[in-house]
Amino acid sequence: MPMKGSKVGVLGMVVLGLLLIVEFTSGLSICKMNDDGLTSCKPSVTQPNPVEPSASCCEALSAADLQCLCSYRNSFVLPSLGIDPELALALPTKCNLTSPPNC
């Protein structure tokens, strides 16, 4: 029986991940960043050749809830969208913003 429970747990995680990805990519905002803001920052947080954040990225990031974004630090959501979490965590500093404590 433990196998069945763990399979259900894994399936639940996969379904939750897919729902988050659909919501994330369907134009909804996340942590007070809309789709345009997320799109403008994506080249700065994507490997293999990230670029410096654009003015539009930094503007979007300045209006975002950085503590909320920080909560995605160890989540599978960012890598599943092609976002490097370490690059994402470096964005506030590159945009001359103060990162939340313990982020």
PDB file of N, CA and C in Angstrom:
ATOM      1  N   MET A   1       0.789  -1.204   0.000  1.00  0.00           N
ATOM      2  CA  MET A   1       0.000   0.000   0.000  1.00  0.00           C
ATOM      3  C   MET A   1       0.836   1.275   0.000  1.00  0.00           C
ATOM      4  N   PRO A   2       2.044   1.329   0.609  1.00  0.00           N
ATOM      5  CA  PRO A   2       2.819   2.566   0.586  1.00  0.00           C
ATOM      6  C   PRO A   2       3.115   3.032  -0.837  1.00  0.00           C
ATOM      7  N   MET A   3       3.261   2.096  -1.754  1.00  0.00           N
ATOM      8  CA  MET A   3       3.523   2.497  -3.139  1.00  0.00           C
ATOM      9  C   MET A   3       2.349   3.275  -3.711  1.00  0.00           C
ATOM     10  N   LYS A   4       1.132   2.824  -3.431  1.00  0.00           N
ATOM     11  CA  LYS A   4      -0.041   3.498  -3.959  1.00  0.00           C
ATOM     12  C   LYS A   4      -0.125   4.920  -3.425  1.00  0.00           C
ATOM     13  N   GLY A   5       0.111   5.122  -2.139  1.00  0.00           N
ATOM     14  CA  GLY A   5       0.078   6.452  -1.538  1.00  0.00           C
ATOM     15  C   GLY A   5       1.136   7.367  -2.135  1.00  0.00           C
ATOM     16  N   SER A   6       2.333   6.845  -2.355  1.00  0.00           N
ATOM     17  CA  SER A   6       3.386   7.687  -2.919  1.00  0.00           C
ATOM     18  C   SER A   6       3.100   8.004  -4.382  1.00  0.00           C
ATOM     19  N   LYS A   7       2.469   7.089  -5.106  1.00  0.00           N
ATOM     20  CA  LYS A   7       2.088   7.362  -6.487  1.00  0.00           C
ATOM     21  C   LYS A   7       1.042   8.452  -6.549  1.00  0.00           C
ATOM     22  N   VAL A   8       0.081   8.408  -5.618  1.00  0.00           N
ATOM     23  CA  VAL A   8      -0.951   9.435  -5.563  1.00  0.00           C
ATOM     24  C   VAL A   8      -0.320  10.776  -5.224  1.00  0.00           C
ATOM     25  N   GLY A   9       0.643  10.778  -4.285  1.00  0.00           N
ATOM     26  CA  GLY A   9       1.334  12.012  -3.916  1.00  0.00           C
ATOM     27  C   GLY A   9       2.101  12.597  -5.092  1.00  0.00           C
ATOM     28  N   VAL A  10       2.803  11.766  -5.818  1.00  0.00           N
ATOM     29  CA  VAL A  10       3.561  12.231  -6.988  1.00  0.00           C
ATOM     30  C   VAL A  10       2.607  12.752  -8.057  1.00  0.00           C
ATOM     31  N   LEU A  11       1.531  12.033  -8.280  1.00  0.00           N
ATOM     32  CA  LEU A  11       0.537  12.472  -9.268  1.00  0.00           C
ATOM     33  C   LEU A  11      -0.046  13.817  -8.863  1.00  0.00           C
ATOM     34  N   GLY A  12      -0.346  13.966  -7.582  1.00  0.00           N
ATOM     35  CA  GLY A  12      -0.870  15.234  -7.093  1.00  0.00           C
ATOM     36  C   GLY A  12       0.112  16.378  -7.328  1.00  0.00           C
ATOM     37  N   MET A  13       1.389  16.135  -7.087  1.00  0.00           N
ATOM     38  CA  MET A  13       2.419  17.152  -7.316  1.00  0.00           C
ATOM     39  C   MET A  13       2.502  17.515  -8.796  1.00  0.00           C
ATOM     40  N   VAL A  14       2.417  16.515  -9.666  1.00  0.00           N
ATOM     41  CA  VAL A  14       2.475  16.766 -11.105  1.00  0.00           C
ATOM     42  C   VAL A  14       1.275  17.600 -11.543  1.00  0.00           C
ATOM     43  N   VAL A  15       0.091  17.228 -11.070  1.00  0.00           N
ATOM     44  CA  VAL A  15      -1.116  17.977 -11.432  1.00  0.00           C
ATOM     45  C   VAL A  15      -1.012  19.413 -10.917  1.00  0.00           C
ATOM     46  N   LEU A  16      -0.574  19.587  -9.674  1.00  0.00           N
ATOM     47  CA  LEU A  16      -0.405  20.925  -9.116  1.00  0.00           C
ATOM     48  C   LEU A  16       0.595  21.727  -9.943  1.00  0.00           C
ATOM     49  N   GLY A  17       1.688  21.104 -10.317  1.00  0.00           N
ATOM     50  CA  GLY A  17       2.688  21.780 -11.145  1.00  0.00           C
ATOM     51  C   GLY A  17       2.124  22.210 -12.484  1.00  0.00           C
ATOM     52  N   LEU A  18       1.371  21.341 -13.109  1.00  0.00           N
ATOM     53  CA  LEU A  18       0.769  21.683 -14.402  1.00  0.00           C
ATOM     54  C   LEU A  18      -0.221  22.833 -14.259  1.00  0.00           C
ATOM     55  N   LEU A  19      -1.019  22.807 -13.194  1.00  0.00           N
ATOM     56  CA  LEU A  19      -1.965  23.903 -12.967  1.00  0.00           C
ATOM     57  C   LEU A  19      -1.232  25.224 -12.751  1.00  0.00           C
ATOM     58  N   LEU A  20      -0.147  25.194 -11.986  1.00  0.00           N
ATOM     59  CA  LEU A  20       0.629  26.415 -11.762  1.00  0.00           C
ATOM     60  C   LEU A  20       1.235  26.923 -13.067  1.00  0.00           C
ATOM     61  N   ILE A  21       1.733  26.024 -13.881  1.00  0.00           N
ATOM     62  CA  ILE A  21       2.325  26.428 -15.153  1.00  0.00           C
ATOM     63  C   ILE A  21       1.261  27.031 -16.062  1.00  0.00           C
ATOM     64  N   VAL A  22       0.089  26.409 -16.121  1.00  0.00           N
ATOM     65  CA  VAL A  22      -0.982  26.948 -16.952  1.00  0.00           C
ATOM     66  C   VAL A  22      -1.364  28.337 -16.458  1.00  0.00           C
ATOM     67  N   GLU A  23      -1.530  28.502 -15.153  1.00  0.00           N
ATOM     68  CA  GLU A  23      -1.878  29.817 -14.625  1.00  0.00           C
ATOM     69  C   GLU A  23      -0.754  30.804 -14.870  1.00  0.00           C
ATOM     70  N   PHE A  24       0.485  30.364 -14.693  1.00  0.00           N
ATOM     71  CA  PHE A  24       1.645  31.235 -14.841  1.00  0.00           C
ATOM     72  C   PHE A  24       1.780  31.731 -16.280  1.00  0.00           C
ATOM     73  N   THR A  25       1.462  30.879 -17.235  1.00  0.00           N
ATOM     74  CA  THR A  25       1.668  31.242 -18.632  1.00  0.00           C
ATOM     75  C   THR A  25       0.411  31.765 -19.320  1.00  0.00           C
ATOM     76  N   SER A  26      -0.695  31.843 -18.599  1.00  0.00           N
ATOM     77  CA  SER A  26      -1.933  32.251 -19.254  1.00  0.00           C
ATOM     78  C   SER A  26      -2.240  33.732 -19.100  1.00  0.00           C
ATOM     79  N   GLY A  27      -1.282  34.526 -18.709  1.00  0.00           N
ATOM     80  CA  GLY A  27      -1.495  35.957 -18.624  1.00  0.00           C
ATOM     81  C   GLY A  27      -1.862  36.449 -17.241  1.00  0.00           C
ATOM     82  N   LEU A  28      -1.965  35.566 -16.273  1.00  0.00           N
ATOM     83  CA  LEU A  28      -2.249  35.995 -14.920  1.00  0.00           C
ATOM     84  C   LEU A  28      -0.979  36.555 -14.290  1.00  0.00           C
ATOM     85  N   SER A  29      -1.134  37.365 -13.280  1.00  0.00           N
ATOM     86  CA  SER A  29       0.036  37.905 -12.613  1.00  0.00           C
ATOM     87  C   SER A  29       0.490  36.962 -11.511  1.00  0.00           C
ATOM     88  N   ILE A  30       1.743  37.083 -11.174  1.00  0.00           N
ATOM     89  CA  ILE A  30       2.306  36.322 -10.071  1.00  0.00           C
ATOM     90  C   ILE A  30       3.123  37.291  -9.233  1.00  0.00           C
ATOM     91  N   CYS A  31       2.809  37.350  -7.961  1.00  0.00           N
ATOM     92  CA  CYS A  31       3.520  38.227  -7.022  1.00  0.00           C
ATOM     93  C   CYS A  31       3.543  39.678  -7.505  1.00  0.00           C
ATOM     94  N   LYS A  32       2.433  40.106  -8.062  1.00  0.00           N
ATOM     95  CA  LYS A  32       2.245  41.464  -8.566  1.00  0.00           C
ATOM     96  C   LYS A  32       3.103  41.784  -9.796  1.00  0.00           C
ATOM     97  N   MET A  33       3.535  40.745 -10.506  1.00  0.00           N
ATOM     98  CA  MET A  33       4.203  40.923 -11.802  1.00  0.00           C
ATOM     99  C   MET A  33       3.279  40.336 -12.856  1.00  0.00           C
ATOM    100  N   ASN A  34       2.938  41.152 -13.847  1.00  0.00           N
ATOM    101  CA  ASN A  34       2.064  40.646 -14.903  1.00  0.00           C
ATOM    102  C   ASN A  34       2.885  39.921 -15.963  1.00  0.00           C
ATOM    103  N   ASP A  35       2.202  39.403 -16.946  1.00  0.00           N
ATOM    104  CA  ASP A  35       2.851  38.625 -17.995  1.00  0.00           C
ATOM    105  C   ASP A  35       3.926  39.433 -18.726  1.00  0.00           C
ATOM    106  N   ASP A  36       3.663  40.722 -18.981  1.00  0.00           N
ATOM    107  CA  ASP A  36       4.655  41.564 -19.664  1.00  0.00           C
ATOM    108  C   ASP A  36       5.919  41.706 -18.823  1.00  0.00           C
ATOM    109  N   GLY A  37       5.757  41.903 -17.522  1.00  0.00           N
ATOM    110  CA  GLY A  37       6.914  42.029 -16.636  1.00  0.00           C
ATOM    111  C   GLY A  37       7.721  40.751 -16.585  1.00  0.00           C
ATOM    112  N   LEU A  38       7.025  39.638 -16.479  1.00  0.00           N
ATOM    113  CA  LEU A  38       7.715  38.346 -16.455  1.00  0.00           C
ATOM    114  C   LEU A  38       8.457  38.104 -17.762  1.00  0.00           C
ATOM    115  N   THR A  39       7.810  38.437 -18.864  1.00  0.00           N
ATOM    116  CA  THR A  39       8.430  38.248 -20.178  1.00  0.00           C
ATOM    117  C   THR A  39       9.667  39.134 -20.339  1.00  0.00           C
ATOM    118  N   SER A  40       9.592  40.364 -19.834  1.00  0.00           N
ATOM    119  CA  SER A  40      10.739  41.274 -19.978  1.00  0.00           C
ATOM    120  C   SER A  40      11.929  40.813 -19.146  1.00  0.00           C
ATOM    121  N   CYS A  41      11.680  40.074 -18.075  1.00  0.00           N
ATOM    122  CA  CYS A  41      12.777  39.597 -17.222  1.00  0.00           C
ATOM    123  C   CYS A  41      13.321  38.231 -17.640  1.00  0.00           C
ATOM    124  N   LYS A  42      12.568  37.487 -18.413  1.00  0.00           N
ATOM    125  CA  LYS A  42      12.962  36.109 -18.747  1.00  0.00           C
ATOM    126  C   LYS A  42      14.360  36.011 -19.379  1.00  0.00           C
ATOM    127  N   PRO A  43      14.777  36.905 -20.291  1.00  0.00           N
ATOM    128  CA  PRO A  43      16.137  36.767 -20.844  1.00  0.00           C
ATOM    129  C   PRO A  43      17.246  36.910 -19.797  1.00  0.00           C
ATOM    130  N   SER A  44      16.933  37.521 -18.680  1.00  0.00           N
ATOM    131  CA  SER A  44      17.936  37.717 -17.626  1.00  0.00           C
ATOM    132  C   SER A  44      18.026  36.545 -16.667  1.00  0.00           C
ATOM    133  N   VAL A  45      17.072  35.653 -16.721  1.00  0.00           N
ATOM    134  CA  VAL A  45      17.044  34.536 -15.778  1.00  0.00           C
ATOM    135  C   VAL A  45      17.034  33.181 -16.482  1.00  0.00           C
ATOM    136  N   THR A  46      17.416  33.190 -17.755  1.00  0.00           N
ATOM    137  CA  THR A  46      17.408  31.974 -18.563  1.00  0.00           C
ATOM    138  C   THR A  46      18.826  31.635 -19.001  1.00  0.00           C
ATOM    139  N   GLN A  47      19.220  30.406 -18.785  1.00  0.00           N
ATOM    140  CA  GLN A  47      20.513  29.910 -19.248  1.00  0.00           C
ATOM    141  C   GLN A  47      20.393  29.512 -20.715  1.00  0.00           C
ATOM    142  N   PRO A  48      21.407  29.446 -21.508  1.00  0.00           N
ATOM    143  CA  PRO A  48      22.810  29.484 -21.121  1.00  0.00           C
ATOM    144  C   PRO A  48      23.440  30.882 -21.197  1.00  0.00           C
ATOM    145  N   ASN A  49      22.769  31.839 -21.770  1.00  0.00           N
ATOM    146  CA  ASN A  49      23.370  33.164 -21.960  1.00  0.00           C
ATOM    147  C   ASN A  49      22.472  34.270 -21.407  1.00  0.00           C
ATOM    148  N   PRO A  50      22.371  34.360 -20.072  1.00  0.00           N
ATOM    149  CA  PRO A  50      21.520  35.415 -19.516  1.00  0.00           C
ATOM    150  C   PRO A  50      22.089  36.802 -19.825  1.00  0.00           C
ATOM    151  N   VAL A  51      21.203  37.759 -19.960  1.00  0.00           N
ATOM    152  CA  VAL A  51      21.605  39.145 -20.249  1.00  0.00           C
ATOM    153  C   VAL A  51      21.298  40.008 -19.034  1.00  0.00           C
ATOM    154  N   GLU A  52      21.861  41.200 -19.014  1.00  0.00           N
ATOM    155  CA  GLU A  52      21.551  42.139 -17.941  1.00  0.00           C
ATOM    156  C   GLU A  52      20.069  42.496 -18.025  1.00  0.00           C
ATOM    157  N   PRO A  53      19.426  42.728 -16.885  1.00  0.00           N
ATOM    158  CA  PRO A  53      17.999  43.048 -16.921  1.00  0.00           C
ATOM    159  C   PRO A  53      17.744  44.380 -17.628  1.00  0.00           C
ATOM    160  N   SER A  54      16.682  44.409 -18.392  1.00  0.00           N
ATOM    161  CA  SER A  54      16.293  45.621 -19.116  1.00  0.00           C
ATOM    162  C   SER A  54      15.620  46.599 -18.156  1.00  0.00           C
ATOM    163  N   ALA A  55      15.454  47.819 -18.608  1.00  0.00           N
ATOM    164  CA  ALA A  55      14.752  48.827 -17.801  1.00  0.00           C
ATOM    165  C   ALA A  55      13.323  48.379 -17.529  1.00  0.00           C
ATOM    166  N   SER A  56      12.672  47.763 -18.513  1.00  0.00           N
ATOM    167  CA  SER A  56      11.295  47.318 -18.307  1.00  0.00           C
ATOM    168  C   SER A  56      11.229  46.172 -17.301  1.00  0.00           C
ATOM    169  N   CYS A  57      12.242  45.323 -17.294  1.00  0.00           N
ATOM    170  CA  CYS A  57      12.307  44.247 -16.308  1.00  0.00           C
ATOM    171  C   CYS A  57      12.447  44.844 -14.907  1.00  0.00           C
ATOM    172  N   CYS A  58      13.384  45.760 -14.742  1.00  0.00           N
ATOM    173  CA  CYS A  58      13.608  46.366 -13.424  1.00  0.00           C
ATOM    174  C   CYS A  58      12.391  47.158 -12.953  1.00  0.00           C
ATOM    175  N   GLU A  59      11.714  47.800 -13.892  1.00  0.00           N
ATOM    176  CA  GLU A  59      10.500  48.538 -13.534  1.00  0.00           C
ATOM    177  C   GLU A  59       9.417  47.578 -13.027  1.00  0.00           C
ATOM    178  N   ALA A  60       9.248  46.473 -13.728  1.00  0.00           N
ATOM    179  CA  ALA A  60       8.265  45.468 -13.306  1.00  0.00           C
ATOM    180  C   ALA A  60       8.652  44.866 -11.958  1.00  0.00           C
ATOM    181  N   LEU A  61       9.937  44.614 -11.791  1.00  0.00           N
ATOM    182  CA  LEU A  61      10.412  44.021 -10.548  1.00  0.00           C
ATOM    183  C   LEU A  61      10.245  44.984  -9.369  1.00  0.00           C
ATOM    184  N   SER A  62      10.385  46.274  -9.627  1.00  0.00           N
ATOM    185  CA  SER A  62      10.249  47.251  -8.546  1.00  0.00           C
ATOM    186  C   SER A  62       8.819  47.317  -8.012  1.00  0.00           C
ATOM    187  N   ALA A  63       7.847  46.918  -8.823  1.00  0.00           N
ATOM    188  CA  ALA A  63       6.447  46.916  -8.389  1.00  0.00           C
ATOM    189  C   ALA A  63       6.011  45.551  -7.854  1.00  0.00           C
ATOM    190  N   ALA A  64       6.894  44.571  -7.957  1.00  0.00           N
ATOM    191  CA  ALA A  64       6.550  43.198  -7.560  1.00  0.00           C
ATOM    192  C   ALA A  64       6.663  43.019  -6.047  1.00  0.00           C
ATOM    193  N   ASP A  65       6.014  41.996  -5.567  1.00  0.00           N
ATOM    194  CA  ASP A  65       6.136  41.585  -4.175  1.00  0.00           C
ATOM    195  C   ASP A  65       7.351  40.656  -4.103  1.00  0.00           C
ATOM    196  N   LEU A  66       8.501  41.212  -3.730  1.00  0.00           N
ATOM    197  CA  LEU A  66       9.743  40.446  -3.745  1.00  0.00           C
ATOM    198  C   LEU A  66       9.721  39.301  -2.733  1.00  0.00           C
ATOM    199  N   GLN A  67       9.068  39.498  -1.607  1.00  0.00           N
ATOM    200  CA  GLN A  67       8.976  38.410  -0.625  1.00  0.00           C
ATOM    201  C   GLN A  67       8.190  37.245  -1.219  1.00  0.00           C
ATOM    202  N   CYS A  68       7.145  37.547  -1.948  1.00  0.00           N
ATOM    203  CA  CYS A  68       6.358  36.505  -2.620  1.00  0.00           C
ATOM    204  C   CYS A  68       7.224  35.783  -3.653  1.00  0.00           C
ATOM    205  N   LEU A  69       7.947  36.547  -4.460  1.00  0.00           N
ATOM    206  CA  LEU A  69       8.815  35.930  -5.463  1.00  0.00           C
ATOM    207  C   LEU A  69       9.870  35.058  -4.804  1.00  0.00           C
ATOM    208  N   CYS A  70      10.352  35.501  -3.653  1.00  0.00           N
ATOM    209  CA  CYS A  70      11.361  34.741  -2.922  1.00  0.00           C
ATOM    210  C   CYS A  70      10.829  33.376  -2.498  1.00  0.00           C
ATOM    211  N   SER A  71       9.537  33.275  -2.291  1.00  0.00           N
ATOM    212  CA  SER A  71       8.952  32.001  -1.865  1.00  0.00           C
ATOM    213  C   SER A  71       9.083  30.924  -2.947  1.00  0.00           C
ATOM    214  N   TYR A  72       9.381  31.314  -4.164  1.00  0.00           N
ATOM    215  CA  TYR A  72       9.570  30.357  -5.253  1.00  0.00           C
ATOM    216  C   TYR A  72      11.011  29.868  -5.357  1.00  0.00           C
ATOM    217  N   ARG A  73      11.850  30.306  -4.444  1.00  0.00           N
ATOM    218  CA  ARG A  73      13.286  30.010  -4.480  1.00  0.00           C
ATOM    219  C   ARG A  73      13.586  28.527  -4.674  1.00  0.00           C
ATOM    220  N   ASN A  74      12.989  27.686  -3.885  1.00  0.00           N
ATOM    221  CA  ASN A  74      13.272  26.245  -3.941  1.00  0.00           C
ATOM    222  C   ASN A  74      12.145  25.459  -4.596  1.00  0.00           C
ATOM    223  N   SER A  75      11.306  26.141  -5.326  1.00  0.00           N
ATOM    224  CA  SER A  75      10.168  25.504  -5.970  1.00  0.00           C
ATOM    225  C   SER A  75      10.576  24.888  -7.305  1.00  0.00           C
ATOM    226  N   PHE A  76       9.840  23.889  -7.718  1.00  0.00           N
ATOM    227  CA  PHE A  76      10.060  23.283  -9.031  1.00  0.00           C
ATOM    228  C   PHE A  76       9.455  24.133 -10.145  1.00  0.00           C
ATOM    229  N   VAL A  77       8.661  25.127  -9.779  1.00  0.00           N
ATOM    230  CA  VAL A  77       7.959  25.930 -10.773  1.00  0.00           C
ATOM    231  C   VAL A  77       8.939  26.704 -11.655  1.00  0.00           C
ATOM    232  N   LEU A  78       9.892  27.393 -11.050  1.00  0.00           N
ATOM    233  CA  LEU A  78      10.818  28.208 -11.853  1.00  0.00           C
ATOM    234  C   LEU A  78      11.608  27.374 -12.847  1.00  0.00           C
ATOM    235  N   PRO A  79      12.300  26.306 -12.413  1.00  0.00           N
ATOM    236  CA  PRO A  79      13.034  25.501 -13.395  1.00  0.00           C
ATOM    237  C   PRO A  79      12.134  24.895 -14.472  1.00  0.00           C
ATOM    238  N   SER A  80      10.895  24.564 -14.112  1.00  0.00           N
ATOM    239  CA  SER A  80      10.001  23.982 -15.118  1.00  0.00           C
ATOM    240  C   SER A  80       9.627  24.997 -16.186  1.00  0.00           C
ATOM    241  N   LEU A  81       9.790  26.285 -15.888  1.00  0.00           N
ATOM    242  CA  LEU A  81       9.533  27.348 -16.865  1.00  0.00           C
ATOM    243  C   LEU A  81      10.812  27.832 -17.542  1.00  0.00           C
ATOM    244  N   GLY A  82      11.928  27.140 -17.274  1.00  0.00           N
ATOM    245  CA  GLY A  82      13.202  27.522 -17.876  1.00  0.00           C
ATOM    246  C   GLY A  82      13.898  28.658 -17.146  1.00  0.00           C
ATOM    247  N   ILE A  83      13.458  28.962 -15.929  1.00  0.00           N
ATOM    248  CA  ILE A  83      14.042  30.060 -15.153  1.00  0.00           C
ATOM    249  C   ILE A  83      15.044  29.490 -14.164  1.00  0.00           C
ATOM    250  N   ASP A  84      16.251  30.043 -14.175  1.00  0.00           N
ATOM    251  CA  ASP A  84      17.293  29.650 -13.238  1.00  0.00           C
ATOM    252  C   ASP A  84      17.047  30.396 -11.925  1.00  0.00           C
ATOM    253  N   PRO A  85      16.734  29.677 -10.837  1.00  0.00           N
ATOM    254  CA  PRO A  85      16.429  30.345  -9.567  1.00  0.00           C
ATOM    255  C   PRO A  85      17.553  31.252  -9.062  1.00  0.00           C
ATOM    256  N   GLU A  86      18.809  30.854  -9.255  1.00  0.00           N
ATOM    257  CA  GLU A  86      19.930  31.681  -8.791  1.00  0.00           C
ATOM    258  C   GLU A  86      19.989  33.004  -9.559  1.00  0.00           C
ATOM    259  N   LEU A  87      19.760  32.943 -10.859  1.00  0.00           N
ATOM    260  CA  LEU A  87      19.724  34.173 -11.652  1.00  0.00           C
ATOM    261  C   LEU A  87      18.546  35.043 -11.237  1.00  0.00           C
ATOM    262  N   ALA A  88      17.411  34.402 -10.954  1.00  0.00           N
ATOM    263  CA  ALA A  88      16.230  35.147 -10.535  1.00  0.00           C
ATOM    264  C   ALA A  88      16.478  35.862  -9.215  1.00  0.00           C
ATOM    265  N   LEU A  89      17.157  35.197  -8.285  1.00  0.00           N
ATOM    266  CA  LEU A  89      17.442  35.808  -6.985  1.00  0.00           C
ATOM    267  C   LEU A  89      18.433  36.958  -7.097  1.00  0.00           C
ATOM    268  N   ALA A  90      19.227  36.976  -8.158  1.00  0.00           N
ATOM    269  CA  ALA A  90      20.200  38.053  -8.358  1.00  0.00           C
ATOM    270  C   ALA A  90      19.577  39.293  -8.996  1.00  0.00           C
ATOM    271  N   LEU A  91      18.375  39.182  -9.549  1.00  0.00           N
ATOM    272  CA  LEU A  91      17.753  40.310 -10.252  1.00  0.00           C
ATOM    273  C   LEU A  91      17.555  41.561  -9.403  1.00  0.00           C
ATOM    274  N   PRO A  92      17.038  41.455  -8.179  1.00  0.00           N
ATOM    275  CA  PRO A  92      16.844  42.688  -7.408  1.00  0.00           C
ATOM    276  C   PRO A  92      18.129  43.505  -7.267  1.00  0.00           C
ATOM    277  N   THR A  93      19.229  42.858  -6.965  1.00  0.00           N
ATOM    278  CA  THR A  93      20.503  43.562  -6.827  1.00  0.00           C
ATOM    279  C   THR A  93      20.910  44.209  -8.143  1.00  0.00           C
ATOM    280  N   LYS A  94      20.742  43.487  -9.240  1.00  0.00           N
ATOM    281  CA  LYS A  94      21.097  44.037 -10.554  1.00  0.00           C
ATOM    282  C   LYS A  94      20.212  45.218 -10.925  1.00  0.00           C
ATOM    283  N   CYS A  95      19.013  45.279 -10.342  1.00  0.00           N
ATOM    284  CA  CYS A  95      18.083  46.371 -10.610  1.00  0.00           C
ATOM    285  C   CYS A  95      18.140  47.446  -9.507  1.00  0.00           C
ATOM    286  N   ASN A  96      19.168  47.363  -8.667  1.00  0.00           N
ATOM    287  CA  ASN A  96      19.354  48.306  -7.561  1.00  0.00           C
ATOM    288  C   ASN A  96      18.163  48.328  -6.598  1.00  0.00           C
ATOM    289  N   LEU A  97      17.611  47.152  -6.353  1.00  0.00           N
ATOM    290  CA  LEU A  97      16.512  46.982  -5.394  1.00  0.00           C
ATOM    291  C   LEU A  97      17.037  46.200  -4.205  1.00  0.00           C
ATOM    292  N   THR A  98      16.421  46.361  -3.076  1.00  0.00           N
ATOM    293  CA  THR A  98      16.807  45.630  -1.882  1.00  0.00           C
ATOM    294  C   THR A  98      16.027  44.328  -1.815  1.00  0.00           C
ATOM    295  N   SER A  99      16.761  43.234  -1.753  1.00  0.00           N
ATOM    296  CA  SER A  99      16.123  41.924  -1.624  1.00  0.00           C
ATOM    297  C   SER A  99      15.562  41.769  -0.215  1.00  0.00           C
ATOM    298  N   PRO A 100      14.485  41.013  -0.097  1.00  0.00           N
ATOM    299  CA  PRO A 100      13.952  40.758   1.247  1.00  0.00           C
ATOM    300  C   PRO A 100      14.975  40.005   2.092  1.00  0.00           C
ATOM    301  N   PRO A 101      14.926  40.202   3.417  1.00  0.00           N
ATOM    302  CA  PRO A 101      15.840  39.434   4.278  1.00  0.00           C
ATOM    303  C   PRO A 101      15.540  37.948   4.153  1.00  0.00           C
ATOM    304  N   ASN A 102      16.572  37.155   4.312  1.00  0.00           N
ATOM    305  CA  ASN A 102      16.447  35.696   4.270  1.00  0.00           C
ATOM    306  C   ASN A 102      15.940  35.160   2.940  1.00  0.00           C
ATOM    307  N   CYS A 103      16.246  35.855   1.878  1.00  0.00           N
ATOM    308  CA  CYS A 103      15.809  35.393   0.577  1.00  0.00           C
ATOM    309  C   CYS A 103      16.964  34.742  -0.148  1.00  0.00           C
TER     310      CYS A 103
END
